[in-house]
Amino acid sequence: MRQSGTFCQVPITALQNCSLIPSVEILKRSWGDQCVVYLTKSRQTHLLSAHSAHVLEFLEQGPVPFEELRDRLQLFAGDVDGEDVASLAHEIVDTLSRIGIIEILEDAS
């Protein structure tokens, strides 16, 4: 269930799942460390960073608890320390949520 009217502007808990929005069709192209996504319904195009593209690819496998997503991002962004990775993960989830690609589900517990 999508949180009504809000995206990730409030802190997401470690156990909340992040998921692609099933009804959103995206086309994706990657070049080097960047990725372009096209949302077919809205006809919007967005340029994603390598980190955001990695998160998107991870979420294509199914809903993931935020904590697991953050840990996966830590492995991908090995040179970023723990606190910065948590902040980066929140920023990516916020961005992907605002542009309408992902949603935050109820706690996974």
N, C-alpha and C. Protein backbone atom coordinates (compact mmCIF):
# COMPACT_ATOMS: atom_id res chain seq x y z
N MET A 1 0.84 -1.18 0.00
CA MET A 1 0.00 0.00 0.00
C MET A 1 0.89 1.24 0.00
N ARG A 2 0.66 2.11 -0.92
CA ARG A 2 1.44 3.34 -1.04
C ARG A 2 1.00 4.32 0.04
N GLN A 3 1.95 4.98 0.66
CA GLN A 3 1.62 5.98 1.66
C GLN A 3 0.97 7.16 0.96
N SER A 4 -0.23 7.50 1.37
CA SER A 4 -1.00 8.51 0.65
C SER A 4 -0.35 9.88 0.69
N GLY A 5 -0.10 10.41 -0.50
CA GLY A 5 0.37 11.78 -0.64
C GLY A 5 1.77 12.07 -0.17
N THR A 6 2.45 11.12 0.45
CA THR A 6 3.80 11.38 0.92
C THR A 6 4.75 10.43 0.25
N PHE A 7 5.94 10.90 0.09
CA PHE A 7 6.97 10.03 -0.42
C PHE A 7 7.92 9.80 0.73
N CYS A 8 9.19 9.81 0.55
CA CYS A 8 10.13 9.52 1.63
C CYS A 8 10.59 10.77 2.35
N GLN A 9 9.73 11.73 2.50
CA GLN A 9 10.12 12.95 3.17
C GLN A 9 10.23 12.75 4.67
N VAL A 10 9.66 11.69 5.19
CA VAL A 10 9.82 11.34 6.59
C VAL A 10 10.74 10.13 6.64
N PRO A 11 11.49 9.97 7.73
CA PRO A 11 12.43 8.84 7.78
C PRO A 11 11.72 7.50 7.57
N ILE A 12 12.32 6.69 6.77
CA ILE A 12 11.81 5.34 6.53
C ILE A 12 12.44 4.42 7.57
N THR A 13 11.67 3.48 8.09
CA THR A 13 12.23 2.55 9.07
C THR A 13 13.00 1.45 8.35
N ALA A 14 13.91 0.83 9.08
CA ALA A 14 14.76 -0.21 8.51
C ALA A 14 13.95 -1.38 7.98
N LEU A 15 12.77 -1.63 8.57
CA LEU A 15 11.98 -2.79 8.18
C LEU A 15 10.94 -2.51 7.10
N GLN A 16 10.76 -1.26 6.73
CA GLN A 16 9.79 -0.97 5.68
C GLN A 16 10.35 -1.44 4.34
N ASN A 17 9.46 -2.01 3.55
CA ASN A 17 9.86 -2.49 2.23
C ASN A 17 9.79 -1.38 1.20
N CYS A 18 10.77 -1.38 0.31
CA CYS A 18 10.77 -0.54 -0.87
C CYS A 18 10.43 -1.46 -2.03
N SER A 19 9.59 -0.98 -2.93
CA SER A 19 9.14 -1.82 -4.03
C SER A 19 8.90 -0.97 -5.27
N LEU A 20 9.16 -1.56 -6.44
CA LEU A 20 8.75 -0.90 -7.68
C LEU A 20 7.23 -0.82 -7.68
N ILE A 21 6.68 0.24 -8.22
CA ILE A 21 5.23 0.36 -8.35
C ILE A 21 4.83 -0.52 -9.53
N PRO A 22 4.02 -1.55 -9.27
CA PRO A 22 3.71 -2.53 -10.33
C PRO A 22 3.10 -1.93 -11.59
N SER A 23 2.31 -0.90 -11.46
CA SER A 23 1.62 -0.34 -12.62
C SER A 23 2.48 0.61 -13.45
N VAL A 24 3.70 0.87 -13.00
CA VAL A 24 4.58 1.80 -13.71
C VAL A 24 5.49 1.02 -14.65
N GLU A 25 5.38 1.33 -15.94
CA GLU A 25 6.25 0.70 -16.92
C GLU A 25 7.41 1.64 -17.21
N ILE A 26 8.61 1.11 -17.08
CA ILE A 26 9.79 1.93 -17.37
C ILE A 26 10.66 1.26 -18.42
N LEU A 27 11.30 2.09 -19.21
CA LEU A 27 12.32 1.63 -20.14
C LEU A 27 13.63 2.17 -19.60
N LYS A 28 14.67 1.36 -19.68
CA LYS A 28 15.92 1.73 -19.03
C LYS A 28 17.10 1.49 -19.97
N ARG A 29 18.01 2.44 -19.99
CA ARG A 29 19.26 2.32 -20.74
C ARG A 29 20.40 2.77 -19.84
N SER A 30 21.49 2.02 -19.89
CA SER A 30 22.66 2.36 -19.08
C SER A 30 23.85 2.65 -19.98
N TRP A 31 24.61 3.65 -19.58
CA TRP A 31 25.86 4.01 -20.25
C TRP A 31 26.88 4.26 -19.17
N GLY A 32 27.91 3.43 -19.13
CA GLY A 32 28.94 3.61 -18.11
C GLY A 32 28.35 3.60 -16.72
N ASP A 33 28.53 4.70 -16.00
CA ASP A 33 28.06 4.75 -14.62
C ASP A 33 26.74 5.51 -14.46
N GLN A 34 26.02 5.73 -15.55
CA GLN A 34 24.74 6.42 -15.47
C GLN A 34 23.65 5.60 -16.15
N CYS A 35 22.43 5.95 -15.82
CA CYS A 35 21.28 5.22 -16.35
C CYS A 35 20.17 6.23 -16.64
N VAL A 36 19.50 6.04 -17.77
CA VAL A 36 18.36 6.86 -18.13
C VAL A 36 17.12 5.97 -18.06
N VAL A 37 16.09 6.46 -17.38
CA VAL A 37 14.82 5.74 -17.33
C VAL A 37 13.74 6.60 -17.97
N TYR A 38 12.86 5.93 -18.69
CA TYR A 38 11.73 6.59 -19.34
C TYR A 38 10.46 5.96 -18.78
N LEU A 39 9.60 6.78 -18.20
CA LEU A 39 8.32 6.31 -17.68
C LEU A 39 7.29 6.46 -18.78
N THR A 40 6.80 5.34 -19.28
CA THR A 40 5.95 5.35 -20.47
C THR A 40 4.64 6.09 -20.26
N LYS A 41 4.02 5.95 -19.10
CA LYS A 41 2.72 6.57 -18.87
C LYS A 41 2.82 8.10 -18.79
N SER A 42 3.82 8.59 -18.06
CA SER A 42 3.96 10.04 -17.89
C SER A 42 4.82 10.67 -18.99
N ARG A 43 5.52 9.83 -19.74
CA ARG A 43 6.44 10.28 -20.78
C ARG A 43 7.58 11.13 -20.22
N GLN A 44 7.97 10.83 -19.00
CA GLN A 44 9.09 11.54 -18.37
C GLN A 44 10.36 10.73 -18.50
N THR A 45 11.47 11.43 -18.67
CA THR A 45 12.79 10.82 -18.73
C THR A 45 13.60 11.34 -17.56
N HIS A 46 14.34 10.44 -16.90
CA HIS A 46 15.14 10.81 -15.74
C HIS A 46 16.54 10.19 -15.86
N LEU A 47 17.54 10.98 -15.55
CA LEU A 47 18.92 10.51 -15.51
C LEU A 47 19.24 10.09 -14.08
N LEU A 48 19.66 8.85 -13.91
CA LEU A 48 19.99 8.33 -12.59
C LEU A 48 21.50 8.16 -12.44
N SER A 49 21.98 8.35 -11.23
CA SER A 49 23.38 8.08 -10.92
C SER A 49 23.62 6.57 -10.92
N ALA A 50 24.86 6.19 -10.87
CA ALA A 50 25.21 4.76 -10.80
C ALA A 50 24.60 4.12 -9.56
N HIS A 51 24.64 4.83 -8.43
CA HIS A 51 24.08 4.29 -7.19
C HIS A 51 22.57 4.11 -7.30
N SER A 52 21.89 5.09 -7.87
CA SER A 52 20.43 4.98 -8.04
C SER A 52 20.08 3.85 -9.00
N ALA A 53 20.85 3.71 -10.07
CA ALA A 53 20.61 2.63 -11.03
C ALA A 53 20.80 1.27 -10.37
N HIS A 54 21.79 1.16 -9.49
CA HIS A 54 22.03 -0.09 -8.78
C HIS A 54 20.84 -0.43 -7.88
N VAL A 55 20.33 0.56 -7.17
CA VAL A 55 19.16 0.35 -6.31
C VAL A 55 17.96 -0.07 -7.16
N LEU A 56 17.75 0.58 -8.27
CA LEU A 56 16.64 0.24 -9.16
C LEU A 56 16.77 -1.21 -9.63
N GLU A 57 17.95 -1.62 -10.05
CA GLU A 57 18.17 -3.01 -10.48
C GLU A 57 17.89 -3.99 -9.36
N PHE A 58 18.30 -3.65 -8.15
CA PHE A 58 18.07 -4.51 -6.99
C PHE A 58 16.56 -4.64 -6.73
N LEU A 59 15.83 -3.54 -6.85
CA LEU A 59 14.39 -3.56 -6.60
C LEU A 59 13.62 -4.29 -7.71
N GLU A 60 14.21 -4.44 -8.87
CA GLU A 60 13.56 -5.18 -9.95
C GLU A 60 13.39 -6.65 -9.58
N GLN A 61 14.13 -7.12 -8.58
CA GLN A 61 14.04 -8.51 -8.12
C GLN A 61 12.87 -8.71 -7.17
N GLY A 62 12.27 -7.63 -6.68
CA GLY A 62 11.13 -7.72 -5.76
C GLY A 62 11.29 -6.76 -4.61
N PRO A 63 10.26 -6.65 -3.77
CA PRO A 63 10.30 -5.74 -2.62
C PRO A 63 11.46 -6.10 -1.68
N VAL A 64 12.07 -5.06 -1.14
CA VAL A 64 13.25 -5.24 -0.29
C VAL A 64 13.13 -4.35 0.95
N PRO A 65 13.39 -4.90 2.14
CA PRO A 65 13.42 -4.03 3.32
C PRO A 65 14.50 -2.96 3.14
N PHE A 66 14.20 -1.76 3.61
CA PHE A 66 15.14 -0.65 3.46
C PHE A 66 16.52 -1.02 4.01
N GLU A 67 16.56 -1.72 5.13
CA GLU A 67 17.84 -2.09 5.75
C GLU A 67 18.68 -2.93 4.78
N GLU A 68 18.04 -3.87 4.09
CA GLU A 68 18.76 -4.72 3.13
C GLU A 68 19.22 -3.90 1.93
N LEU A 69 18.37 -2.98 1.48
CA LEU A 69 18.73 -2.11 0.38
C LEU A 69 19.96 -1.26 0.75
N ARG A 70 19.95 -0.72 1.96
CA ARG A 70 21.07 0.08 2.45
C ARG A 70 22.35 -0.75 2.51
N ASP A 71 22.24 -1.99 3.00
CA ASP A 71 23.41 -2.87 3.09
C ASP A 71 23.94 -3.22 1.70
N ARG A 72 23.04 -3.45 0.77
CA ARG A 72 23.44 -3.77 -0.60
C ARG A 72 24.15 -2.57 -1.24
N LEU A 73 23.64 -1.37 -0.95
CA LEU A 73 24.27 -0.16 -1.46
C LEU A 73 25.66 0.02 -0.87
N GLN A 74 25.82 -0.35 0.40
CA GLN A 74 27.14 -0.27 1.06
C GLN A 74 28.15 -1.14 0.33
N LEU A 75 27.75 -2.33 -0.09
CA LEU A 75 28.65 -3.21 -0.83
C LEU A 75 29.01 -2.61 -2.19
N PHE A 76 28.02 -2.01 -2.85
CA PHE A 76 28.24 -1.42 -4.17
C PHE A 76 29.11 -0.17 -4.08
N ALA A 77 28.87 0.63 -3.05
CA ALA A 77 29.59 1.90 -2.87
C ALA A 77 30.63 1.73 -1.78
N GLY A 78 31.52 0.79 -1.95
CA GLY A 78 32.49 0.41 -0.92
C GLY A 78 33.30 1.54 -0.32
N ASP A 79 33.50 2.62 -1.06
CA ASP A 79 34.33 3.71 -0.54
C ASP A 79 33.54 4.73 0.27
N VAL A 80 32.24 4.50 0.45
CA VAL A 80 31.39 5.43 1.22
C VAL A 80 31.19 4.83 2.61
N ASP A 81 31.38 5.65 3.67
CA ASP A 81 31.24 5.11 5.02
C ASP A 81 29.78 4.91 5.40
N GLY A 82 29.55 4.19 6.50
CA GLY A 82 28.22 3.76 6.91
C GLY A 82 27.18 4.85 7.03
N GLU A 83 27.51 5.94 7.70
CA GLU A 83 26.54 7.03 7.87
C GLU A 83 26.21 7.68 6.54
N ASP A 84 27.22 7.85 5.70
CA ASP A 84 26.98 8.44 4.39
C ASP A 84 26.15 7.52 3.51
N VAL A 85 26.34 6.22 3.64
CA VAL A 85 25.55 5.27 2.85
C VAL A 85 24.09 5.32 3.28
N ALA A 86 23.84 5.41 4.57
CA ALA A 86 22.45 5.52 5.05
C ALA A 86 21.80 6.77 4.48
N SER A 87 22.51 7.87 4.50
CA SER A 87 22.00 9.12 3.95
C SER A 87 21.77 9.00 2.44
N LEU A 88 22.73 8.39 1.75
CA LEU A 88 22.61 8.19 0.30
C LEU A 88 21.42 7.30 -0.01
N ALA A 89 21.23 6.25 0.76
CA ALA A 89 20.11 5.33 0.53
C ALA A 89 18.78 6.06 0.71
N HIS A 90 18.67 6.90 1.74
CA HIS A 90 17.45 7.68 1.94
C HIS A 90 17.22 8.63 0.77
N GLU A 91 18.28 9.26 0.32
CA GLU A 91 18.18 10.20 -0.80
C GLU A 91 17.72 9.50 -2.08
N ILE A 92 18.28 8.33 -2.34
CA ILE A 92 17.90 7.57 -3.54
C ILE A 92 16.45 7.12 -3.47
N VAL A 93 16.05 6.58 -2.31
CA VAL A 93 14.66 6.14 -2.15
C VAL A 93 13.72 7.32 -2.30
N ASP A 94 14.09 8.45 -1.72
CA ASP A 94 13.27 9.66 -1.85
C ASP A 94 13.13 10.07 -3.32
N THR A 95 14.23 10.09 -4.03
CA THR A 95 14.21 10.48 -5.44
C THR A 95 13.38 9.52 -6.28
N LEU A 96 13.62 8.23 -6.14
CA LEU A 96 12.88 7.24 -6.93
C LEU A 96 11.39 7.26 -6.59
N SER A 97 11.07 7.57 -5.34
CA SER A 97 9.68 7.68 -4.92
C SER A 97 9.03 8.94 -5.51
N ARG A 98 9.74 10.06 -5.44
CA ARG A 98 9.20 11.32 -5.97
C ARG A 98 8.93 11.26 -7.47
N ILE A 99 9.79 10.57 -8.21
CA ILE A 99 9.57 10.50 -9.65
C ILE A 99 8.57 9.40 -10.04
N GLY A 100 8.11 8.65 -9.05
CA GLY A 100 7.02 7.71 -9.28
C GLY A 100 7.41 6.32 -9.72
N ILE A 101 8.62 5.89 -9.37
CA ILE A 101 9.07 4.55 -9.76
C ILE A 101 8.89 3.53 -8.64
N ILE A 102 9.11 3.96 -7.40
CA ILE A 102 9.00 3.04 -6.28
C ILE A 102 8.00 3.56 -5.26
N GLU A 103 7.61 2.64 -4.37
CA GLU A 103 6.74 2.99 -3.27
C GLU A 103 7.28 2.38 -1.99
N ILE A 104 6.85 2.94 -0.87
CA ILE A 104 7.25 2.44 0.44
C ILE A 104 6.06 1.69 1.00
N LEU A 105 6.28 0.42 1.33
CA LEU A 105 5.20 -0.43 1.84
C LEU A 105 5.24 -0.44 3.37
N GLU A 106 4.22 -1.03 3.96
CA GLU A 106 4.17 -1.16 5.41
C GLU A 106 5.37 -1.96 5.91
N ASP A 107 5.59 -1.94 7.22
CA ASP A 107 6.72 -2.68 7.80
C ASP A 107 6.68 -4.13 7.34
N ALA A 108 7.90 -4.66 7.08
CA ALA A 108 8.03 -6.03 6.62
C ALA A 108 7.91 -7.04 7.76
N SER A 109 7.88 -6.57 8.98
CA SER A 109 7.85 -7.48 10.14
C SER A 109 6.56 -8.25 10.27
